[in-house]
Amino acid sequence: MVKREGRREAFDRNKILKGIHIACGKRPISTVQMEQIVDEVESEIREAFTTEVPVAAIGELIMAKLRALDNVAYIRFASVYRNFTDISSFEKELERLKVSAKSIAAPKLTIKK
């Protein structure tokens, strides 16, 4: 994958899972659900990209999956991914979340059995 500053690094499933796990801390989200997010993200990027993957694409996919699953986990992940620097950054993201929740129902994550 290609990082924002142009550095390249191998896709690391465990690193992605760790970030999701941190965002989902103390939330009613199972390890199975977190692993499923990583499975889906990995599958989607393999389908969409044949070579290098911009890290932004991975981050956006993760945020979409978390948003569909749990708004608190989504905000936690977004705060790190988008590098919120102050309270107004949080407020803006929360407002976007409120507006989009009113206008569009987020897709639900299906659980593999």
Foldseek 3Di string as FASTA:
>chain_A
DAEPVGDDDDDDLVVQLVLLCVLCPPHPADSQLSSVLSVVLVVVCVVVDVDDDYVVSSLVSSLLQVLQPDVSSSLSSCCVVVVDDDPVVSVVVVVVSVVCVVVDRRDHDDGDD
